[in-house]
Amino acid sequence: MQPSNMAYDRAITVFSPDGRLFQVEYAREAVKRGTTTVGVKFRDGAILIVDKRITSRLIEPDSIEKIFIIDDHIGCATSGLVADARSLIDRARLDAQINEITYSEKIQVQTLVKRICDFKQTYTQYGGVRPFGTALLIAGVDQTGARLFSTDPSGALMEYKAASEGAGRTGAMAYFEEHYKENVSMEEAIDLGVKALHKGTEGKLNPDAIEIGVVKKGVKFHILSASETKTFVSKAIGGK
């Protein structure tokens, strides 16, 4: 790298001549190296699926957290730096509780996502801090229906019908583009999500490393048991 570019590379508050913030782009690279996550909306809810990428047989799979419960009606899957994600999720949980105490109602999914992204954006604007190296897939159900959002290290957000983040995003999104259908059942959404994850990981899918979170109207966000997950994964992969 040329010396003239080093100032733009090291300072989060300085734009390069072509309008780039290099530290934000490096944070996006951290997300691209993270584990693959997918999310799919279905008829009355949404699902989140993650590949926990167990790299050693000595690791206890339950110790790896990639899906988190934010509130009864909202859950989140992370890709990138998990420690950064935990910090954001703790803040999101606090925002959700403050909203419920203040207004006596559950926070809307979009409102919570915007608050998280506003907080992420401040870490791209001030010296002495760095961007969060994580992307969150946030799924929830409120009075507006099922919602699925993807957040970026820059603080940008986008709502999707089906989405993916992490190392296998390109393959998973290509699969969604070709196979996604609206108003499917929960079982069909999980089947689609597992197949997209399988595609994104180039067929290197370990059923023991998969975690599935589900939220639907009238049912709290929860993570499926290991036996339920293995059943869905075996059915989806066996059907390919």
C-alpha atoms as a PDB file:
ATOM      1  CA  MET A   1       0.000   0.000   0.000  1.00  0.00           C
ATOM      2  CA  GLN A   2       1.320   3.443  -0.878  1.00  0.00           C
ATOM      3  CA  PRO A   3       2.165   5.807   2.038  1.00  0.00           C
ATOM      4  CA  SER A   4      -0.379   8.330   0.708  1.00  0.00           C
ATOM      5  CA  ASN A   5      -3.160   5.821   1.380  1.00  0.00           C
ATOM      6  CA  MET A   6      -2.123   4.915   4.913  1.00  0.00           C
ATOM      7  CA  ALA A   7      -3.924   7.854   6.556  1.00  0.00           C
ATOM      8  CA  TYR A   8      -7.239   6.763   5.022  1.00  0.00           C
ATOM      9  CA  ASP A   9      -6.535   3.179   6.038  1.00  0.00           C
ATOM     10  CA  ARG A  10      -5.884   3.940   9.698  1.00  0.00           C
ATOM     11  CA  ALA A  11      -8.432   6.640  10.489  1.00  0.00           C
ATOM     12  CA  ILE A  12     -12.128   5.767  10.728  1.00  0.00           C
ATOM     13  CA  THR A  13     -13.145   9.432  10.436  1.00  0.00           C
ATOM     14  CA  VAL A  14     -11.333  10.166   7.161  1.00  0.00           C
ATOM     15  CA  PHE A  15     -12.805   9.442   3.744  1.00  0.00           C
ATOM     16  CA  SER A  16     -10.484   8.334   0.971  1.00  0.00           C
ATOM     17  CA  PRO A  17     -10.505  10.457  -2.216  1.00  0.00           C
ATOM     18  CA  ASP A  18     -12.921   7.989  -3.830  1.00  0.00           C
ATOM     19  CA  GLY A  19     -15.398   8.265  -0.935  1.00  0.00           C
ATOM     20  CA  ARG A  20     -14.564   5.091   0.991  1.00  0.00           C
ATOM     21  CA  LEU A  21     -14.171   4.381   4.711  1.00  0.00           C
ATOM     22  CA  PHE A  22     -11.590   1.619   4.728  1.00  0.00           C
ATOM     23  CA  GLN A  23     -12.214   0.501   8.313  1.00  0.00           C
ATOM     24  CA  VAL A  24     -15.896  -0.097   7.522  1.00  0.00           C
ATOM     25  CA  GLU A  25     -14.907  -2.155   4.500  1.00  0.00           C
ATOM     26  CA  TYR A  26     -12.487  -4.178   6.619  1.00  0.00           C
ATOM     27  CA  ALA A  27     -15.326  -4.822   9.070  1.00  0.00           C
ATOM     28  CA  ARG A  28     -17.388  -6.169   6.174  1.00  0.00           C
ATOM     29  CA  GLU A  29     -14.497  -8.517   5.375  1.00  0.00           C
ATOM     30  CA  ALA A  30     -14.717  -9.857   8.947  1.00  0.00           C
ATOM     31  CA  VAL A  31     -18.386 -10.649   8.268  1.00  0.00           C
ATOM     32  CA  LYS A  32     -17.523 -12.397   4.999  1.00  0.00           C
ATOM     33  CA  ARG A  33     -15.124 -14.657   6.907  1.00  0.00           C
ATOM     34  CA  GLY A  34     -17.779 -15.507   9.500  1.00  0.00           C
ATOM     35  CA  THR A  35     -20.051 -18.515   9.657  1.00  0.00           C
ATOM     36  CA  THR A  36     -22.951 -18.668   7.219  1.00  0.00           C
ATOM     37  CA  THR A  37     -26.384 -17.654   8.497  1.00  0.00           C
ATOM     38  CA  VAL A  38     -29.716 -17.689   6.686  1.00  0.00           C
ATOM     39  CA  GLY A  39     -33.188 -16.365   7.443  1.00  0.00           C
ATOM     40  CA  VAL A  40     -36.528 -17.030   5.751  1.00  0.00           C
ATOM     41  CA  LYS A  41     -39.988 -15.555   6.256  1.00  0.00           C
ATOM     42  CA  PHE A  42     -42.961 -17.903   6.066  1.00  0.00           C
ATOM     43  CA  ARG A  43     -46.728 -17.568   6.285  1.00  0.00           C
ATOM     44  CA  ASP A  44     -46.963 -16.304   9.873  1.00  0.00           C
ATOM     45  CA  GLY A  45     -43.399 -16.118  11.103  1.00  0.00           C
ATOM     46  CA  ALA A  46     -39.711 -16.403  10.304  1.00  0.00           C
ATOM     47  CA  ILE A  47     -36.839 -18.821  10.840  1.00  0.00           C
ATOM     48  CA  LEU A  48     -33.111 -18.341  11.371  1.00  0.00           C
ATOM     49  CA  ILE A  49     -30.545 -21.058  10.650  1.00  0.00           C
ATOM     50  CA  VAL A  50     -26.817 -20.978  11.364  1.00  0.00           C
ATOM     51  CA  ASP A  51     -23.846 -23.215  10.661  1.00  0.00           C
ATOM     52  CA  LYS A  52     -21.776 -23.062  13.857  1.00  0.00           C
ATOM     53  CA  ARG A  53     -18.721 -24.374  11.979  1.00  0.00           C
ATOM     54  CA  ILE A  54     -17.264 -26.713  14.583  1.00  0.00           C
ATOM     55  CA  THR A  55     -13.547 -26.895  13.798  1.00  0.00           C
ATOM     56  CA  SER A  56     -12.515 -29.537  16.334  1.00  0.00           C
ATOM     57  CA  ARG A  57     -14.102 -32.654  17.771  1.00  0.00           C
ATOM     58  CA  LEU A  58     -12.965 -31.410  21.196  1.00  0.00           C
ATOM     59  CA  ILE A  59     -15.331 -28.441  21.106  1.00  0.00           C
ATOM     60  CA  GLU A  60     -18.651 -28.729  22.918  1.00  0.00           C
ATOM     61  CA  PRO A  61     -21.216 -27.640  20.276  1.00  0.00           C
ATOM     62  CA  ASP A  62     -23.563 -26.148  22.904  1.00  0.00           C
ATOM     63  CA  SER A  63     -20.856 -23.663  23.928  1.00  0.00           C
ATOM     64  CA  ILE A  64     -21.000 -21.927  20.528  1.00  0.00           C
ATOM     65  CA  GLU A  65     -23.743 -19.296  20.472  1.00  0.00           C
ATOM     66  CA  LYS A  66     -24.817 -17.960  17.085  1.00  0.00           C
ATOM     67  CA  ILE A  67     -28.572 -17.468  17.641  1.00  0.00           C
ATOM     68  CA  PHE A  68     -29.775 -15.211  20.445  1.00  0.00           C
ATOM     69  CA  ILE A  69     -33.185 -14.371  21.902  1.00  0.00           C
ATOM     70  CA  ILE A  70     -33.627 -10.590  22.123  1.00  0.00           C
ATOM     71  CA  ASP A  71     -37.264 -10.557  23.295  1.00  0.00           C
ATOM     72  CA  ASP A  72     -40.199 -12.964  23.259  1.00  0.00           C
ATOM     73  CA  HIS A  73     -41.012 -11.971  19.685  1.00  0.00           C
ATOM     74  CA  ILE A  74     -37.545 -11.202  18.280  1.00  0.00           C
ATOM     75  CA  GLY A  75     -34.465 -13.322  17.663  1.00  0.00           C
ATOM     76  CA  CYS A  76     -31.100 -12.752  16.042  1.00  0.00           C
ATOM     77  CA  ALA A  77     -28.425 -14.743  14.184  1.00  0.00           C
ATOM     78  CA  THR A  78     -24.864 -13.445  13.975  1.00  0.00           C
ATOM     79  CA  SER A  79     -22.048 -13.663  11.473  1.00  0.00           C
ATOM     80  CA  GLY A  80     -18.608 -12.197  12.060  1.00  0.00           C
ATOM     81  CA  LEU A  81     -17.095 -11.342  15.438  1.00  0.00           C
ATOM     82  CA  VAL A  82     -19.331 -12.977  18.049  1.00  0.00           C
ATOM     83  CA  ALA A  83     -18.004 -10.798  20.883  1.00  0.00           C
ATOM     84  CA  ASP A  84     -19.091  -7.681  18.968  1.00  0.00           C
ATOM     85  CA  ALA A  85     -22.475  -9.279  18.347  1.00  0.00           C
ATOM     86  CA  ARG A  86     -22.992 -10.017  22.048  1.00  0.00           C
ATOM     87  CA  SER A  87     -22.394  -6.374  22.879  1.00  0.00           C
ATOM     88  CA  LEU A  88     -25.019  -5.274  20.344  1.00  0.00           C
ATOM     89  CA  ILE A  89     -27.498  -7.910  21.505  1.00  0.00           C
ATOM     90  CA  ASP A  90     -27.153  -6.837  25.146  1.00  0.00           C
ATOM     91  CA  ARG A  91     -27.978  -3.283  24.048  1.00  0.00           C
ATOM     92  CA  ALA A  92     -30.908  -4.507  21.930  1.00  0.00           C
ATOM     93  CA  ARG A  93     -32.328  -6.453  24.881  1.00  0.00           C
ATOM     94  CA  LEU A  94     -32.101  -3.336  27.036  1.00  0.00           C
ATOM     95  CA  ASP A  95     -33.866  -1.232  24.383  1.00  0.00           C
ATOM     96  CA  ALA A  96     -36.638  -3.830  24.126  1.00  0.00           C
ATOM     97  CA  GLN A  97     -37.193  -3.856  27.903  1.00  0.00           C
ATOM     98  CA  ILE A  98     -37.128  -0.057  28.191  1.00  0.00           C
ATOM     99  CA  ASN A  99     -39.748   0.205  25.440  1.00  0.00           C
ATOM    100  CA  GLU A 100     -42.019  -2.306  27.179  1.00  0.00           C
ATOM    101  CA  ILE A 101     -41.698  -0.591  30.568  1.00  0.00           C
ATOM    102  CA  THR A 102     -42.230   2.885  29.081  1.00  0.00           C
ATOM    103  CA  TYR A 103     -45.090   2.149  26.686  1.00  0.00           C
ATOM    104  CA  SER A 104     -46.528  -1.124  28.089  1.00  0.00           C
ATOM    105  CA  GLU A 105     -46.156  -2.838  24.726  1.00  0.00           C
ATOM    106  CA  LYS A 106     -43.595  -4.897  22.869  1.00  0.00           C
ATOM    107  CA  ILE A 107     -41.173  -2.984  20.671  1.00  0.00           C
ATOM    108  CA  GLN A 108     -41.749  -3.204  16.926  1.00  0.00           C
ATOM    109  CA  VAL A 109     -39.120  -5.202  15.062  1.00  0.00           C
ATOM    110  CA  GLN A 110     -38.253  -2.375  12.673  1.00  0.00           C
ATOM    111  CA  THR A 111     -37.915   0.121  15.513  1.00  0.00           C
ATOM    112  CA  LEU A 112     -35.456  -2.108  17.334  1.00  0.00           C
ATOM    113  CA  VAL A 113     -33.428  -2.758  14.176  1.00  0.00           C
ATOM    114  CA  LYS A 114     -33.174   0.982  13.495  1.00  0.00           C
ATOM    115  CA  ARG A 115     -31.942   1.614  17.034  1.00  0.00           C
ATOM    116  CA  ILE A 116     -29.259  -1.055  16.658  1.00  0.00           C
ATOM    117  CA  CYS A 117     -28.182   0.394  13.316  1.00  0.00           C
ATOM    118  CA  ASP A 118     -28.119   3.947  14.683  1.00  0.00           C
ATOM    119  CA  PHE A 119     -25.746   2.714  17.396  1.00  0.00           C
ATOM    120  CA  LYS A 120     -23.575   0.877  14.845  1.00  0.00           C
ATOM    121  CA  GLN A 121     -23.409   3.991  12.678  1.00  0.00           C
ATOM    122  CA  THR A 122     -21.968   6.103  15.502  1.00  0.00           C
ATOM    123  CA  TYR A 123     -18.980   3.743  15.576  1.00  0.00           C
ATOM    124  CA  THR A 124     -18.144   4.781  12.004  1.00  0.00           C
ATOM    125  CA  GLN A 125     -18.164   8.489  12.772  1.00  0.00           C
ATOM    126  CA  TYR A 126     -15.898   9.145  15.774  1.00  0.00           C
ATOM    127  CA  GLY A 127     -12.192   8.754  16.421  1.00  0.00           C
ATOM    128  CA  GLY A 128     -10.925   6.263  18.980  1.00  0.00           C
ATOM    129  CA  VAL A 129     -13.494   3.582  18.118  1.00  0.00           C
ATOM    130  CA  ARG A 130     -13.819   0.933  15.438  1.00  0.00           C
ATOM    131  CA  PRO A 131     -16.866  -0.420  13.557  1.00  0.00           C
ATOM    132  CA  PHE A 132     -18.599  -3.557  14.835  1.00  0.00           C
ATOM    133  CA  GLY A 133     -17.286  -6.476  12.806  1.00  0.00           C
ATOM    134  CA  THR A 134     -20.574  -8.323  12.725  1.00  0.00           C
ATOM    135  CA  ALA A 135     -23.733  -8.554  10.626  1.00  0.00           C
ATOM    136  CA  LEU A 136     -27.006  -9.448  12.314  1.00  0.00           C
ATOM    137  CA  LEU A 137     -29.981 -11.223  10.805  1.00  0.00           C
ATOM    138  CA  ILE A 138     -32.931 -10.152  12.952  1.00  0.00           C
ATOM    139  CA  ALA A 139     -36.275 -11.961  12.711  1.00  0.00           C
ATOM    140  CA  GLY A 140     -39.461 -11.171  14.576  1.00  0.00           C
ATOM    141  CA  VAL A 141     -43.233 -10.944  14.559  1.00  0.00           C
ATOM    142  CA  ASP A 142     -45.247  -7.892  15.610  1.00  0.00           C
ATOM    143  CA  GLN A 143     -48.592  -6.313  14.756  1.00  0.00           C
ATOM    144  CA  THR A 144     -47.297  -5.587  11.243  1.00  0.00           C
ATOM    145  CA  GLY A 145     -46.558  -9.272  10.607  1.00  0.00           C
ATOM    146  CA  ALA A 146     -43.373 -11.290  10.198  1.00  0.00           C
ATOM    147  CA  ARG A 147     -40.216  -9.218   9.595  1.00  0.00           C
ATOM    148  CA  LEU A 148     -36.665 -10.173   8.596  1.00  0.00           C
ATOM    149  CA  PHE A 149     -33.837  -7.614   8.545  1.00  0.00           C
ATOM    150  CA  SER A 150     -30.148  -7.712   7.761  1.00  0.00           C
ATOM    151  CA  THR A 151     -27.800  -5.154   9.343  1.00  0.00           C
ATOM    152  CA  ASP A 152     -24.391  -4.067   8.065  1.00  0.00           C
ATOM    153  CA  PRO A 153     -21.250  -2.874   9.965  1.00  0.00           C
ATOM    154  CA  SER A 154     -21.855   0.578   8.459  1.00  0.00           C
ATOM    155  CA  GLY A 155     -25.227   0.837  10.200  1.00  0.00           C
ATOM    156  CA  ALA A 156     -27.242   0.207   7.039  1.00  0.00           C
ATOM    157  CA  LEU A 157     -30.274  -2.071   7.187  1.00  0.00           C
ATOM    158  CA  MET A 158     -32.331  -3.931   4.622  1.00  0.00           C
ATOM    159  CA  GLU A 159     -35.541  -5.942   4.927  1.00  0.00           C
ATOM    160  CA  TYR A 160     -35.693  -9.300   3.131  1.00  0.00           C
ATOM    161  CA  LYS A 161     -38.049 -12.175   2.430  1.00  0.00           C
ATOM    162  CA  ALA A 162     -35.035 -14.492   2.585  1.00  0.00           C
ATOM    163  CA  ALA A 163     -31.467 -13.466   3.393  1.00  0.00           C
ATOM    164  CA  SER A 164     -28.010 -14.742   4.205  1.00  0.00           C
ATOM    165  CA  GLU A 165     -24.788 -13.401   5.736  1.00  0.00           C
ATOM    166  CA  GLY A 166     -21.306 -14.798   6.183  1.00  0.00           C
ATOM    167  CA  ALA A 167     -18.874 -16.801   4.113  1.00  0.00           C
ATOM    168  CA  GLY A 168     -21.529 -18.652   2.121  1.00  0.00           C
ATOM    169  CA  ARG A 169     -23.795 -15.670   1.409  1.00  0.00           C
ATOM    170  CA  THR A 170     -23.320 -15.676  -2.369  1.00  0.00           C
ATOM    171  CA  GLY A 171     -24.316 -19.320  -2.822  1.00  0.00           C
ATOM    172  CA  ALA A 172     -27.205 -19.141  -0.367  1.00  0.00           C
ATOM    173  CA  MET A 173     -28.666 -15.979  -1.915  1.00  0.00           C
ATOM    174  CA  ALA A 174     -28.408 -17.488  -5.393  1.00  0.00           C
ATOM    175  CA  TYR A 175     -30.381 -20.491  -4.141  1.00  0.00           C
ATOM    176  CA  PHE A 176     -33.025 -18.227  -2.578  1.00  0.00           C
ATOM    177  CA  GLU A 177     -33.363 -16.213  -5.793  1.00  0.00           C
ATOM    178  CA  GLU A 178     -34.179 -19.392  -7.663  1.00  0.00           C
ATOM    179  CA  HIS A 179     -36.320 -21.293  -5.160  1.00  0.00           C
ATOM    180  CA  TYR A 180     -37.982 -18.857  -2.720  1.00  0.00           C
ATOM    181  CA  LYS A 181     -41.789 -18.781  -2.646  1.00  0.00           C
ATOM    182  CA  GLU A 182     -44.069 -16.639  -0.507  1.00  0.00           C
ATOM    183  CA  ASN A 183     -46.695 -17.889   1.968  1.00  0.00           C
ATOM    184  CA  VAL A 184     -44.962 -21.217   2.611  1.00  0.00           C
ATOM    185  CA  SER A 185     -45.350 -23.187   5.835  1.00  0.00           C
ATOM    186  CA  MET A 186     -42.770 -23.222   8.625  1.00  0.00           C
ATOM    187  CA  GLU A 187     -41.598 -26.691   7.600  1.00  0.00           C
ATOM    188  CA  GLU A 188     -41.167 -25.590   3.982  1.00  0.00           C
ATOM    189  CA  ALA A 189     -39.239 -22.487   5.093  1.00  0.00           C
ATOM    190  CA  ILE A 190     -36.871 -24.572   7.215  1.00  0.00           C
ATOM    191  CA  ASP A 191     -36.374 -27.003   4.333  1.00  0.00           C
ATOM    192  CA  LEU A 192     -35.556 -24.096   1.998  1.00  0.00           C
ATOM    193  CA  GLY A 193     -33.221 -22.517   4.543  1.00  0.00           C
ATOM    194  CA  VAL A 194     -31.289 -25.733   5.176  1.00  0.00           C
ATOM    195  CA  LYS A 195     -30.884 -26.335   1.430  1.00  0.00           C
ATOM    196  CA  ALA A 196     -29.662 -22.747   0.943  1.00  0.00           C
ATOM    197  CA  LEU A 197     -27.205 -23.204   3.810  1.00  0.00           C
ATOM    198  CA  HIS A 198     -26.074 -26.483   2.261  1.00  0.00           C
ATOM    199  CA  LYS A 199     -25.495 -24.652  -1.012  1.00  0.00           C
ATOM    200  CA  GLY A 200     -23.670 -21.789   0.715  1.00  0.00           C
ATOM    201  CA  THR A 201     -21.304 -24.161   2.519  1.00  0.00           C
ATOM    202  CA  GLU A 202     -20.646 -26.053  -0.727  1.00  0.00           C
ATOM    203  CA  GLY A 203     -22.158 -29.236   0.653  1.00  0.00           C
ATOM    204  CA  LYS A 204     -19.983 -29.273   3.784  1.00  0.00           C
ATOM    205  CA  LEU A 205     -22.905 -29.237   6.192  1.00  0.00           C
ATOM    206  CA  ASN A 206     -22.552 -30.991   9.555  1.00  0.00           C
ATOM    207  CA  PRO A 207     -25.992 -31.719  11.097  1.00  0.00           C
ATOM    208  CA  ASP A 208     -24.450 -31.501  14.590  1.00  0.00           C
ATOM    209  CA  ALA A 209     -23.324 -27.925  13.874  1.00  0.00           C
ATOM    210  CA  ILE A 210     -26.701 -26.568  12.730  1.00  0.00           C
ATOM    211  CA  GLU A 211     -28.960 -24.439  14.924  1.00  0.00           C
ATOM    212  CA  ILE A 212     -32.490 -23.320  14.030  1.00  0.00           C
ATOM    213  CA  GLY A 213     -34.482 -20.527  15.647  1.00  0.00           C
ATOM    214  CA  VAL A 214     -38.210 -20.022  15.024  1.00  0.00           C
ATOM    215  CA  VAL A 215     -40.668 -17.248  15.789  1.00  0.00           C
ATOM    216  CA  LYS A 216     -44.290 -17.143  14.701  1.00  0.00           C
ATOM    217  CA  LYS A 217     -47.517 -15.409  15.565  1.00  0.00           C
ATOM    218  CA  GLY A 218     -48.608 -16.502  19.028  1.00  0.00           C
ATOM    219  CA  VAL A 219     -45.386 -18.464  19.659  1.00  0.00           C
ATOM    220  CA  LYS A 220     -42.307 -17.025  21.367  1.00  0.00           C
ATOM    221  CA  PHE A 221     -38.940 -17.057  19.631  1.00  0.00           C
ATOM    222  CA  HIS A 222     -37.220 -20.323  20.501  1.00  0.00           C
ATOM    223  CA  ILE A 223     -34.377 -22.559  19.368  1.00  0.00           C
ATOM    224  CA  LEU A 224     -35.302 -26.037  18.204  1.00  0.00           C
ATOM    225  CA  SER A 225     -33.927 -29.031  20.053  1.00  0.00           C
ATOM    226  CA  ALA A 226     -30.997 -30.978  18.625  1.00  0.00           C
ATOM    227  CA  SER A 227     -33.238 -33.903  17.670  1.00  0.00           C
ATOM    228  CA  GLU A 228     -35.728 -31.648  15.825  1.00  0.00           C
ATOM    229  CA  THR A 229     -32.887 -29.902  14.023  1.00  0.00           C
ATOM    230  CA  LYS A 230     -31.281 -33.165  12.885  1.00  0.00           C
ATOM    231  CA  THR A 231     -34.649 -34.357  11.566  1.00  0.00           C
ATOM    232  CA  PHE A 232     -35.113 -31.227   9.441  1.00  0.00           C
ATOM    233  CA  VAL A 233     -31.506 -31.263   8.208  1.00  0.00           C
ATOM    234  CA  SER A 234     -31.562 -34.955   7.289  1.00  0.00           C
ATOM    235  CA  LYS A 235     -34.853 -34.523   5.426  1.00  0.00           C
ATOM    236  CA  ALA A 236     -33.628 -31.473   3.488  1.00  0.00           C
ATOM    237  CA  ILE A 237     -30.230 -32.807   2.530  1.00  0.00           C
ATOM    238  CA  GLY A 238     -31.622 -36.236   1.729  1.00  0.00           C
ATOM    239  CA  GLY A 239     -34.095 -34.592  -0.640  1.00  0.00           C
ATOM    240  CA  LYS A 240     -31.416 -32.860  -2.700  1.00  0.00           C
END
